[in-house]
C-alpha atoms as a PDB file:
ATOM      1  CA  UNK A   1       0.092  -0.077   0.008  1.00  0.00           C
ATOM      2  CA  UNK A   2       1.072   3.507  -0.590  1.00  0.00           C
ATOM      3  CA  UNK A   3       0.546   6.782   1.369  1.00  0.00           C
ATOM      4  CA  UNK A   4      -0.960   9.507  -0.966  1.00  0.00           C
ATOM      5  CA  UNK A   5      -2.096  12.269   1.569  1.00  0.00           C
ATOM      6  CA  UNK A   6      -4.945  10.154   2.847  1.00  0.00           C
ATOM      7  CA  UNK A   7      -6.343  10.997   6.254  1.00  0.00           C
ATOM      8  CA  UNK A   8      -8.613   8.748   8.033  1.00  0.00           C
ATOM      9  CA  UNK A   9     -11.070  10.126  10.726  1.00  0.00           C
ATOM     10  CA  UNK A  10     -12.853   8.113  13.248  1.00  0.00           C
ATOM     11  CA  UNK A  11     -16.090   9.379  15.135  1.00  0.00           C
ATOM     12  CA  UNK A  12     -16.675   7.377  18.292  1.00  0.00           C
ATOM     13  CA  UNK A  13     -20.344   7.886  19.423  1.00  0.00           C
ATOM     14  CA  UNK A  14     -22.507   6.236  21.888  1.00  0.00           C
ATOM     15  CA  UNK A  15     -24.432   4.119  19.219  1.00  0.00           C
ATOM     16  CA  UNK A  16     -22.267   4.152  16.373  1.00  0.00           C
ATOM     17  CA  UNK A  17     -18.587   4.455  15.204  1.00  0.00           C
ATOM     18  CA  UNK A  18     -17.907   6.007  11.697  1.00  0.00           C
ATOM     19  CA  UNK A  19     -14.686   6.042   9.707  1.00  0.00           C
ATOM     20  CA  UNK A  20     -14.188   8.063   6.906  1.00  0.00           C
ATOM     21  CA  UNK A  21     -11.246   8.748   4.511  1.00  0.00           C
ATOM     22  CA  UNK A  22     -10.714  12.068   2.798  1.00  0.00           C
ATOM     23  CA  UNK A  23      -7.687  13.255   0.505  1.00  0.00           C
ATOM     24  CA  UNK A  24      -5.857  16.719   0.825  1.00  0.00           C
ATOM     25  CA  UNK A  25      -8.581  18.477  -0.957  1.00  0.00           C
ATOM     26  CA  UNK A  26     -11.415  16.868   1.309  1.00  0.00           C
ATOM     27  CA  UNK A  27     -12.752  14.565  -1.129  1.00  0.00           C
ATOM     28  CA  UNK A  28     -14.386  11.520   0.355  1.00  0.00           C
ATOM     29  CA  UNK A  29     -12.403   8.162  -0.415  1.00  0.00           C
ATOM     30  CA  UNK A  30     -14.212   5.653   1.656  1.00  0.00           C
ATOM     31  CA  UNK A  31     -16.851   5.694   4.564  1.00  0.00           C
ATOM     32  CA  UNK A  32     -17.921   3.080   6.881  1.00  0.00           C
ATOM     33  CA  UNK A  33     -19.791   2.534  10.144  1.00  0.00           C
ATOM     34  CA  UNK A  34     -20.474   0.043  12.720  1.00  0.00           C
ATOM     35  CA  UNK A  35     -22.534  -0.327  15.768  1.00  0.00           C
ATOM     36  CA  UNK A  36     -20.551   0.804  19.178  1.00  0.00           C
ATOM     37  CA  UNK A  37     -19.989  -2.104  21.333  1.00  0.00           C
ATOM     38  CA  UNK A  38     -21.529  -0.482  24.234  1.00  0.00           C
ATOM     39  CA  UNK A  39     -19.803  -1.082  27.615  1.00  0.00           C
ATOM     40  CA  UNK A  40     -17.067  -2.989  26.179  1.00  0.00           C
ATOM     41  CA  UNK A  41     -13.884  -1.213  25.867  1.00  0.00           C
ATOM     42  CA  UNK A  42     -11.757  -3.694  24.230  1.00  0.00           C
ATOM     43  CA  UNK A  43     -14.392  -4.472  21.740  1.00  0.00           C
ATOM     44  CA  UNK A  44     -14.467  -0.836  21.046  1.00  0.00           C
ATOM     45  CA  UNK A  45     -10.777  -0.394  20.235  1.00  0.00           C
ATOM     46  CA  UNK A  46     -10.813  -3.542  18.107  1.00  0.00           C
ATOM     47  CA  UNK A  47     -13.755  -2.100  16.144  1.00  0.00           C
ATOM     48  CA  UNK A  48     -11.898   1.263  15.371  1.00  0.00           C
ATOM     49  CA  UNK A  49      -8.689  -0.813  14.351  1.00  0.00           C
ATOM     50  CA  UNK A  50     -10.875  -3.086  11.899  1.00  0.00           C
ATOM     51  CA  UNK A  51     -12.617   0.232  10.330  1.00  0.00           C
ATOM     52  CA  UNK A  52      -8.969   1.696   9.799  1.00  0.00           C
ATOM     53  CA  UNK A  53      -7.679  -1.578   8.104  1.00  0.00           C
ATOM     54  CA  UNK A  54     -10.925  -2.047   6.087  1.00  0.00           C
ATOM     55  CA  UNK A  55     -10.367   1.385   4.382  1.00  0.00           C
ATOM     56  CA  UNK A  56      -6.665   1.047   4.022  1.00  0.00           C
ATOM     57  CA  UNK A  57      -7.427  -2.374   2.170  1.00  0.00           C
ATOM     58  CA  UNK A  58     -10.148  -0.802   0.270  1.00  0.00           C
ATOM     59  CA  UNK A  59      -8.396   2.049  -1.029  1.00  0.00           C
ATOM     60  CA  UNK A  60      -4.800   0.610  -1.319  1.00  0.00           C
ATOM     61  CA  UNK A  61      -3.499   3.193   0.594  1.00  0.00           C
ATOM     62  CA  UNK A  62      -2.310   3.923   4.188  1.00  0.00           C
ATOM     63  CA  UNK A  63      -3.255   7.097   6.079  1.00  0.00           C
ATOM     64  CA  UNK A  64      -2.979   9.319   9.154  1.00  0.00           C
ATOM     65  CA  UNK A  65      -5.531   8.425  11.976  1.00  0.00           C
ATOM     66  CA  UNK A  66      -7.375  11.083  13.984  1.00  0.00           C
ATOM     67  CA  UNK A  67     -10.140  10.110  16.348  1.00  0.00           C
ATOM     68  CA  UNK A  68     -12.973  12.344  18.095  1.00  0.00           C
ATOM     69  CA  UNK A  69     -14.143  10.930  21.145  1.00  0.00           C
ATOM     70  CA  UNK A  70     -17.189  11.941  23.504  1.00  0.00           C
ATOM     71  CA  UNK A  71     -14.719  13.032  26.226  1.00  0.00           C
ATOM     72  CA  UNK A  72     -11.006  14.018  26.488  1.00  0.00           C
ATOM     73  CA  UNK A  73      -7.617  12.557  27.224  1.00  0.00           C
ATOM     74  CA  UNK A  74      -6.173  13.855  30.491  1.00  0.00           C
ATOM     75  CA  UNK A  75      -2.947  15.530  29.973  1.00  0.00           C
ATOM     76  CA  UNK A  76      -1.913  14.419  33.656  1.00  0.00           C
ATOM     77  CA  UNK A  77      -2.829  10.583  33.410  1.00  0.00           C
ATOM     78  CA  UNK A  78      -3.123  10.038  29.783  1.00  0.00           C
ATOM     79  CA  UNK A  79      -6.566   8.301  30.275  1.00  0.00           C
ATOM     80  CA  UNK A  80     -10.029   9.352  29.134  1.00  0.00           C
ATOM     81  CA  UNK A  81     -11.976  11.451  31.444  1.00  0.00           C
ATOM     82  CA  UNK A  82     -15.355  13.229  30.990  1.00  0.00           C
ATOM     83  CA  UNK A  83     -16.989  10.647  28.541  1.00  0.00           C
ATOM     84  CA  UNK A  84     -20.759  10.214  28.417  1.00  0.00           C
ATOM     85  CA  UNK A  85     -19.640   6.781  27.002  1.00  0.00           C
ATOM     86  CA  UNK A  86     -18.803   6.085  30.324  1.00  0.00           C
ATOM     87  CA  UNK A  87     -16.968   2.624  29.620  1.00  0.00           C
ATOM     88  CA  UNK A  88     -14.186   4.749  27.917  1.00  0.00           C
ATOM     89  CA  UNK A  89     -13.501   6.652  31.378  1.00  0.00           C
ATOM     90  CA  UNK A  90     -10.142   5.765  33.033  1.00  0.00           C
ATOM     91  CA  UNK A  91      -8.802   3.864  29.928  1.00  0.00           C
ATOM     92  CA  UNK A  92      -5.740   4.464  27.995  1.00  0.00           C
ATOM     93  CA  UNK A  93      -7.557   4.795  24.620  1.00  0.00           C
ATOM     94  CA  UNK A  94      -4.885   7.006  22.910  1.00  0.00           C
ATOM     95  CA  UNK A  95      -2.044   4.828  24.016  1.00  0.00           C
ATOM     96  CA  UNK A  96      -4.098   1.463  22.968  1.00  0.00           C
ATOM     97  CA  UNK A  97      -4.800   2.976  19.561  1.00  0.00           C
ATOM     98  CA  UNK A  98      -1.125   3.862  18.912  1.00  0.00           C
ATOM     99  CA  UNK A  99       0.074   0.495  20.148  1.00  0.00           C
ATOM    100  CA  UNK A 100      -2.597  -1.402  18.104  1.00  0.00           C
ATOM    101  CA  UNK A 101      -2.248   0.540  14.938  1.00  0.00           C
ATOM    102  CA  UNK A 102       1.551   0.828  15.299  1.00  0.00           C
ATOM    103  CA  UNK A 103       1.515   4.525  14.342  1.00  0.00           C
ATOM    104  CA  UNK A 104       0.897   7.924  15.686  1.00  0.00           C
ATOM    105  CA  UNK A 105      -2.914   8.806  16.365  1.00  0.00           C
ATOM    106  CA  UNK A 106      -4.591  12.189  17.149  1.00  0.00           C
ATOM    107  CA  UNK A 107      -7.186  12.133  19.504  1.00  0.00           C
ATOM    108  CA  UNK A 108      -9.896  15.147  20.284  1.00  0.00           C
ATOM    109  CA  UNK A 109     -13.047  15.667  21.672  1.00  0.00           C
ATOM    110  CA  UNK A 110     -15.869  15.267  19.127  1.00  0.00           C
ATOM    111  CA  UNK A 111     -17.074  18.661  19.481  1.00  0.00           C
ATOM    112  CA  UNK A 112     -13.647  20.075  18.900  1.00  0.00           C
ATOM    113  CA  UNK A 113     -13.648  17.939  15.844  1.00  0.00           C
ATOM    114  CA  UNK A 114     -16.867  19.550  14.740  1.00  0.00           C
ATOM    115  CA  UNK A 115     -15.559  22.970  15.074  1.00  0.00           C
ATOM    116  CA  UNK A 116     -12.249  22.067  13.181  1.00  0.00           C
ATOM    117  CA  UNK A 117     -14.245  20.390  10.403  1.00  0.00           C
ATOM    118  CA  UNK A 118     -16.394  23.420   9.808  1.00  0.00           C
ATOM    119  CA  UNK A 119     -13.449  26.078  10.213  1.00  0.00           C
ATOM    120  CA  UNK A 120     -11.532  24.047   7.547  1.00  0.00           C
ATOM    121  CA  UNK A 121     -14.252  23.663   4.569  1.00  0.00           C
ATOM    122  CA  UNK A 122     -17.427  23.797   6.146  1.00  0.00           C
ATOM    123  CA  UNK A 123     -20.010  26.619   7.422  1.00  0.00           C
ATOM    124  CA  UNK A 124     -17.223  28.671   8.980  1.00  0.00           C
ATOM    125  CA  UNK A 125     -14.384  28.036   6.465  1.00  0.00           C
ATOM    126  CA  UNK A 126     -11.475  30.417   6.831  1.00  0.00           C
ATOM    127  CA  UNK A 127     -12.876  32.006  10.029  1.00  0.00           C
ATOM    128  CA  UNK A 128     -10.413  32.542  12.719  1.00  0.00           C
ATOM    129  CA  UNK A 129     -12.124  31.738  15.939  1.00  0.00           C
ATOM    130  CA  UNK A 130     -15.036  29.326  15.568  1.00  0.00           C
ATOM    131  CA  UNK A 131     -17.130  27.798  18.641  1.00  0.00           C
ATOM    132  CA  UNK A 132     -18.796  24.341  17.725  1.00  0.00           C
ATOM    133  CA  UNK A 133     -21.830  23.306  19.463  1.00  0.00           C
ATOM    134  CA  UNK A 134     -23.091  19.679  19.414  1.00  0.00           C
ATOM    135  CA  UNK A 135     -26.889  19.229  20.243  1.00  0.00           C
ATOM    136  CA  UNK A 136     -27.609  15.575  20.292  1.00  0.00           C
ATOM    137  CA  UNK A 137     -28.398  13.032  22.924  1.00  0.00           C
ATOM    138  CA  UNK A 138     -25.943  15.010  25.037  1.00  0.00           C
ATOM    139  CA  UNK A 139     -24.567  18.758  24.622  1.00  0.00           C
ATOM    140  CA  UNK A 140     -21.011  19.348  23.865  1.00  0.00           C
ATOM    141  CA  UNK A 141     -18.672  22.350  22.786  1.00  0.00           C
ATOM    142  CA  UNK A 142     -15.450  22.807  21.394  1.00  0.00           C
ATOM    143  CA  UNK A 143     -13.019  25.559  19.830  1.00  0.00           C
ATOM    144  CA  UNK A 144     -11.226  25.805  16.699  1.00  0.00           C
ATOM    145  CA  UNK A 145      -8.541  28.573  16.578  1.00  0.00           C
ATOM    146  CA  UNK A 146      -7.198  29.275  13.047  1.00  0.00           C
ATOM    147  CA  UNK A 147      -8.419  25.888  11.959  1.00  0.00           C
ATOM    148  CA  UNK A 148      -6.627  23.967  14.790  1.00  0.00           C
ATOM    149  CA  UNK A 149      -8.027  22.195  18.024  1.00  0.00           C
ATOM    150  CA  UNK A 150      -7.855  24.448  21.104  1.00  0.00           C
ATOM    151  CA  UNK A 151      -8.485  22.428  24.121  1.00  0.00           C
ATOM    152  CA  UNK A 152      -6.315  24.095  26.977  1.00  0.00           C
ATOM    153  CA  UNK A 153      -4.252  22.523  29.786  1.00  0.00           C
ATOM    154  CA  UNK A 154      -7.110  20.725  31.163  1.00  0.00           C
ATOM    155  CA  UNK A 155      -8.761  19.403  27.840  1.00  0.00           C
ATOM    156  CA  UNK A 156     -12.015  21.091  28.531  1.00  0.00           C
ATOM    157  CA  UNK A 157     -11.920  24.337  26.614  1.00  0.00           C
ATOM    158  CA  UNK A 158     -15.537  24.960  25.232  1.00  0.00           C
ATOM    159  CA  UNK A 159     -17.261  22.484  27.457  1.00  0.00           C
ATOM    160  CA  UNK A 160     -20.335  24.534  28.136  1.00  0.00           C
ATOM    161  CA  UNK A 161     -22.661  21.578  28.363  1.00  0.00           C
ATOM    162  CA  UNK A 162     -21.277  20.966  32.017  1.00  0.00           C
ATOM    163  CA  UNK A 163     -21.833  24.530  33.243  1.00  0.00           C
ATOM    164  CA  UNK A 164     -25.065  25.238  34.924  1.00  0.00           C
ATOM    165  CA  UNK A 165     -27.978  26.864  33.069  1.00  0.00           C
ATOM    166  CA  UNK A 166     -27.435  30.785  33.612  1.00  0.00           C
ATOM    167  CA  UNK A 167     -30.109  32.826  35.185  1.00  0.00           C
ATOM    168  CA  UNK A 168     -32.318  29.703  36.346  1.00  0.00           C
ATOM    169  CA  UNK A 169     -36.170  30.323  37.088  1.00  0.00           C
ATOM    170  CA  UNK A 170     -37.356  28.880  40.225  1.00  0.00           C
ATOM    171  CA  UNK A 171     -38.879  25.976  38.382  1.00  0.00           C
ATOM    172  CA  UNK A 172     -35.298  25.255  36.873  1.00  0.00           C
ATOM    173  CA  UNK A 173     -33.330  25.202  40.297  1.00  0.00           C
ATOM    174  CA  UNK A 174     -31.589  22.947  41.204  1.00  0.00           C
ATOM    175  CA  UNK A 175     -32.256  21.318  37.903  1.00  0.00           C
ATOM    176  CA  UNK A 176     -32.053  17.610  36.907  1.00  0.00           C
ATOM    177  CA  UNK A 177     -29.017  15.569  38.183  1.00  0.00           C
ATOM    178  CA  UNK A 178     -26.419  14.876  35.368  1.00  0.00           C
ATOM    179  CA  UNK A 179     -24.145  11.929  34.896  1.00  0.00           C
ATOM    180  CA  UNK A 180     -21.219  14.208  35.965  1.00  0.00           C
ATOM    181  CA  UNK A 181     -22.589  14.247  39.342  1.00  0.00           C
ATOM    182  CA  UNK A 182     -23.702  17.676  39.528  1.00  0.00           C
ATOM    183  CA  UNK A 183     -27.236  19.315  38.971  1.00  0.00           C
ATOM    184  CA  UNK A 184     -28.740  21.796  36.220  1.00  0.00           C
ATOM    185  CA  UNK A 185     -25.970  21.148  33.771  1.00  0.00           C
ATOM    186  CA  UNK A 186     -26.600  22.711  30.358  1.00  0.00           C
ATOM    187  CA  UNK A 187     -26.553  19.232  29.010  1.00  0.00           C
ATOM    188  CA  UNK A 188     -29.674  18.295  30.770  1.00  0.00           C
ATOM    189  CA  UNK A 189     -31.636  21.347  29.292  1.00  0.00           C
ATOM    190  CA  UNK A 190     -30.764  21.709  25.818  1.00  0.00           C
ATOM    191  CA  UNK A 191     -29.966  18.207  24.538  1.00  0.00           C
ATOM    192  CA  UNK A 192     -32.327  16.173  22.687  1.00  0.00           C
ATOM    193  CA  UNK A 193     -32.703  14.263  25.816  1.00  0.00           C
ATOM    194  CA  UNK A 194     -33.286  17.367  27.996  1.00  0.00           C
ATOM    195  CA  UNK A 195     -36.283  18.366  25.554  1.00  0.00           C
ATOM    196  CA  UNK A 196     -38.039  15.066  25.773  1.00  0.00           C
ATOM    197  CA  UNK A 197     -37.588  15.271  29.608  1.00  0.00           C
ATOM    198  CA  UNK A 198     -38.991  18.834  29.770  1.00  0.00           C
ATOM    199  CA  UNK A 199     -41.925  17.774  27.705  1.00  0.00           C
ATOM    200  CA  UNK A 200     -42.766  14.937  30.053  1.00  0.00           C
ATOM    201  CA  UNK A 201     -42.370  17.025  33.137  1.00  0.00           C
ATOM    202  CA  UNK A 202     -44.633  19.720  31.798  1.00  0.00           C
ATOM    203  CA  UNK A 203     -47.414  17.332  30.222  1.00  0.00           C
ATOM    204  CA  UNK A 204     -47.010  13.935  32.066  1.00  0.00           C
ATOM    205  CA  UNK A 205     -46.683  12.379  28.366  1.00  0.00           C
ATOM    206  CA  UNK A 206     -43.604  10.764  27.046  1.00  0.00           C
ATOM    207  CA  UNK A 207     -42.597  11.917  23.321  1.00  0.00           C
ATOM    208  CA  UNK A 208     -39.417  11.571  21.578  1.00  0.00           C
ATOM    209  CA  UNK A 209     -37.717  14.714  20.582  1.00  0.00           C
ATOM    210  CA  UNK A 210     -38.277  13.732  17.063  1.00  0.00           C
ATOM    211  CA  UNK A 211     -41.977  13.648  17.585  1.00  0.00           C
ATOM    212  CA  UNK A 212     -41.971  16.633  19.664  1.00  0.00           C
ATOM    213  CA  UNK A 213     -40.169  18.702  16.819  1.00  0.00           C
ATOM    214  CA  UNK A 214     -42.720  17.392  14.288  1.00  0.00           C
ATOM    215  CA  UNK A 215     -45.676  18.218  16.439  1.00  0.00           C
ATOM    216  CA  UNK A 216     -44.181  21.763  16.630  1.00  0.00           C
ATOM    217  CA  UNK A 217     -43.686  22.019  12.931  1.00  0.00           C
ATOM    218  CA  UNK A 218     -47.415  21.086  12.603  1.00  0.00           C
ATOM    219  CA  UNK A 219     -48.464  23.973  14.772  1.00  0.00           C
ATOM    220  CA  UNK A 220     -48.930  21.916  18.133  1.00  0.00           C
ATOM    221  CA  UNK A 221     -49.385  24.464  20.944  1.00  0.00           C
ATOM    222  CA  UNK A 222     -47.691  22.239  23.642  1.00  0.00           C
ATOM    223  CA  UNK A 223     -44.839  21.222  21.537  1.00  0.00           C
ATOM    224  CA  UNK A 224     -44.373  25.020  20.611  1.00  0.00           C
ATOM    225  CA  UNK A 225     -44.058  25.778  24.325  1.00  0.00           C
ATOM    226  CA  UNK A 226     -41.456  23.254  24.703  1.00  0.00           C
ATOM    227  CA  UNK A 227     -39.519  24.552  21.728  1.00  0.00           C
ATOM    228  CA  UNK A 228     -39.936  28.007  23.209  1.00  0.00           C
ATOM    229  CA  UNK A 229     -38.343  26.990  26.572  1.00  0.00           C
ATOM    230  CA  UNK A 230     -35.649  25.101  24.780  1.00  0.00           C
ATOM    231  CA  UNK A 231     -34.516  28.151  22.766  1.00  0.00           C
ATOM    232  CA  UNK A 232     -34.609  30.470  25.639  1.00  0.00           C
ATOM    233  CA  UNK A 233     -32.269  28.118  27.648  1.00  0.00           C
ATOM    234  CA  UNK A 234     -30.018  27.760  24.723  1.00  0.00           C
ATOM    235  CA  UNK A 235     -29.818  31.504  24.289  1.00  0.00           C
ATOM    236  CA  UNK A 236     -28.872  31.655  28.079  1.00  0.00           C
ATOM    237  CA  UNK A 237     -26.161  29.154  27.582  1.00  0.00           C
ATOM    238  CA  UNK A 238     -24.754  30.484  24.311  1.00  0.00           C
ATOM    239  CA  UNK A 239     -24.584  34.043  26.001  1.00  0.00           C
ATOM    240  CA  UNK A 240     -22.332  32.913  28.738  1.00  0.00           C
ATOM    241  CA  UNK A 241     -20.229  31.414  25.885  1.00  0.00           C
ATOM    242  CA  UNK A 242     -20.212  34.819  24.054  1.00  0.00           C
ATOM    243  CA  UNK A 243     -19.532  36.741  27.372  1.00  0.00           C
ATOM    244  CA  UNK A 244     -16.553  34.697  28.036  1.00  0.00           C
ATOM    245  CA  UNK A 245     -15.064  33.949  24.608  1.00  0.00           C
ATOM    246  CA  UNK A 246     -16.984  36.104  22.132  1.00  0.00           C
ATOM    247  CA  UNK A 247     -16.057  33.788  19.042  1.00  0.00           C
ATOM    248  CA  UNK A 248     -16.336  34.948  15.507  1.00  0.00           C
ATOM    249  CA  UNK A 249     -19.183  32.229  14.735  1.00  0.00           C
ATOM    250  CA  UNK A 250     -21.125  29.625  16.440  1.00  0.00           C
ATOM    251  CA  UNK A 251     -21.635  26.576  14.537  1.00  0.00           C
ATOM    252  CA  UNK A 252     -24.369  23.937  15.607  1.00  0.00           C
ATOM    253  CA  UNK A 253     -24.142  20.267  14.976  1.00  0.00           C
ATOM    254  CA  UNK A 254     -25.965  17.272  16.152  1.00  0.00           C
ATOM    255  CA  UNK A 255     -29.544  15.834  15.746  1.00  0.00           C
ATOM    256  CA  UNK A 256     -31.132  18.913  17.117  1.00  0.00           C
ATOM    257  CA  UNK A 257     -29.221  21.387  14.703  1.00  0.00           C
ATOM    258  CA  UNK A 258     -31.910  20.471  12.314  1.00  0.00           C
ATOM    259  CA  UNK A 259     -34.495  22.514  14.081  1.00  0.00           C
ATOM    260  CA  UNK A 260     -34.488  25.295  11.610  1.00  0.00           C
ATOM    261  CA  UNK A 261     -36.486  27.616  14.147  1.00  0.00           C
ATOM    262  CA  UNK A 262     -33.564  28.231  16.355  1.00  0.00           C
ATOM    263  CA  UNK A 263     -31.603  30.242  13.712  1.00  0.00           C
ATOM    264  CA  UNK A 264     -34.516  32.554  13.481  1.00  0.00           C
ATOM    265  CA  UNK A 265     -35.025  32.512  17.298  1.00  0.00           C
ATOM    266  CA  UNK A 266     -31.339  32.978  18.597  1.00  0.00           C
ATOM    267  CA  UNK A 267     -30.630  36.272  16.983  1.00  0.00           C
ATOM    268  CA  UNK A 268     -33.912  37.685  18.676  1.00  0.00           C
ATOM    269  CA  UNK A 269     -33.034  36.190  22.107  1.00  0.00           C
ATOM    270  CA  UNK A 270     -29.280  36.562  22.497  1.00  0.00           C
ATOM    271  CA  UNK A 271     -29.441  40.429  23.124  1.00  0.00           C
ATOM    272  CA  UNK A 272     -31.326  39.765  26.119  1.00  0.00           C
ATOM    273  CA  UNK A 273     -28.658  37.900  27.685  1.00  0.00           C
ATOM    274  CA  UNK A 274     -25.391  38.959  26.361  1.00  0.00           C
ATOM    275  CA  UNK A 275     -23.568  41.617  28.332  1.00  0.00           C
ATOM    276  CA  UNK A 276     -24.051  44.847  26.977  1.00  0.00           C
ATOM    277  CA  UNK A 277     -27.426  44.026  25.099  1.00  0.00           C
ATOM    278  CA  UNK A 278     -25.736  43.532  21.483  1.00  0.00           C
ATOM    279  CA  UNK A 279     -25.086  40.133  20.066  1.00  0.00           C
ATOM    280  CA  UNK A 280     -24.081  39.943  16.444  1.00  0.00           C
ATOM    281  CA  UNK A 281     -22.471  36.603  16.415  1.00  0.00           C
ATOM    282  CA  UNK A 282     -23.742  34.592  13.554  1.00  0.00           C
ATOM    283  CA  UNK A 283     -25.157  31.193  14.700  1.00  0.00           C
ATOM    284  CA  UNK A 284     -25.171  28.856  11.675  1.00  0.00           C
ATOM    285  CA  UNK A 285     -25.704  25.219  11.016  1.00  0.00           C
ATOM    286  CA  UNK A 286     -23.132  22.797  10.412  1.00  0.00           C
ATOM    287  CA  UNK A 287     -22.470  22.300   6.466  1.00  0.00           C
ATOM    288  CA  UNK A 288     -21.529  18.797   7.120  1.00  0.00           C
ATOM    289  CA  UNK A 289     -24.407  17.625   9.653  1.00  0.00           C
ATOM    290  CA  UNK A 290     -23.504  14.365  11.206  1.00  0.00           C
ATOM    291  CA  UNK A 291     -20.425  14.167   9.104  1.00  0.00           C
ATOM    292  CA  UNK A 292     -18.881  17.048  10.760  1.00  0.00           C
ATOM    293  CA  UNK A 293     -17.379  15.350  13.606  1.00  0.00           C
ATOM    294  CA  UNK A 294     -15.479  12.681  11.522  1.00  0.00           C
ATOM    295  CA  UNK A 295     -14.367  15.129   8.901  1.00  0.00           C
ATOM    296  CA  UNK A 296     -12.924  17.064  11.622  1.00  0.00           C
ATOM    297  CA  UNK A 297     -11.224  13.951  12.996  1.00  0.00           C
ATOM    298  CA  UNK A 298      -9.604  13.455   9.888  1.00  0.00           C
ATOM    299  CA  UNK A 299      -8.572  16.893   9.790  1.00  0.00           C
ATOM    300  CA  UNK A 300      -6.681  16.736  13.017  1.00  0.00           C
ATOM    301  CA  UNK A 301      -3.636  16.023  10.498  1.00  0.00           C
ATOM    302  CA  UNK A 302      -3.537  19.399   8.642  1.00  0.00           C
ATOM    303  CA  UNK A 303      -0.567  20.671   6.896  1.00  0.00           C
ATOM    304  CA  UNK A 304       0.280  22.511   9.873  1.00  0.00           C
ATOM    305  CA  UNK A 305       1.058  21.422  13.399  1.00  0.00           C
ATOM    306  CA  UNK A 306      -2.012  21.174  15.697  1.00  0.00           C
END
């Protein structure tokens, strides 16, 4: 096999693992996905290695490998921390991939990968300071600075999902308990899971987030009130991000990013909460949708140092 500038990205999610190969221009060369072996760390590593080998056999090329994970690698211990796929926590994931593949591997938080993807050739291409938001089963955030990951000495730059909901109303305090052990985290309010929980708490009826959004689109009043509460909480959380980081653009990915109404609502809501009453920060949908994370993982190997 020959190496011809191929980059392989891995997106390790709670339900699926996706692998993508792109060339230097970002053109897709191969793509495969498998179910994530939940709660089985060794099987998870083996599944990733098998995907890399499958792509390299299929293309006849070797490539660099980058992986996005729903957590981060501790600079102190070298082990995974903060992963909502909890079977990864405390494991030497980065070292195990390097040892098994026999080459260097770059690993980053999945939201950082989304930010890198969109800053490289997506909805924020060429923008200097990009804040990436994942609104899916959970809620993540990451930073791309000049197209490269900025994760900070603790590996948690951009992790707004585990800050508390700002300016909580009486009925929002102390908030639901999060898997991280604290209460009232943003993830509990503005994720797909949080939307469904809020709807059930108010109505007593269980509906999936997809069903709630469909009801909202059809004009259902109760669903509309749920979406209104979600958008207000989202605006409060993003106002905190703007107050601290003031990014050039906010790019939204994940399953909930498909709710088109949020891109109309946020420009109206953000000035209520951003310090000074002004908020000109563009909030845009990720160009590559669910593929942003895996593309960003591949772009962890750019032509400049990360």
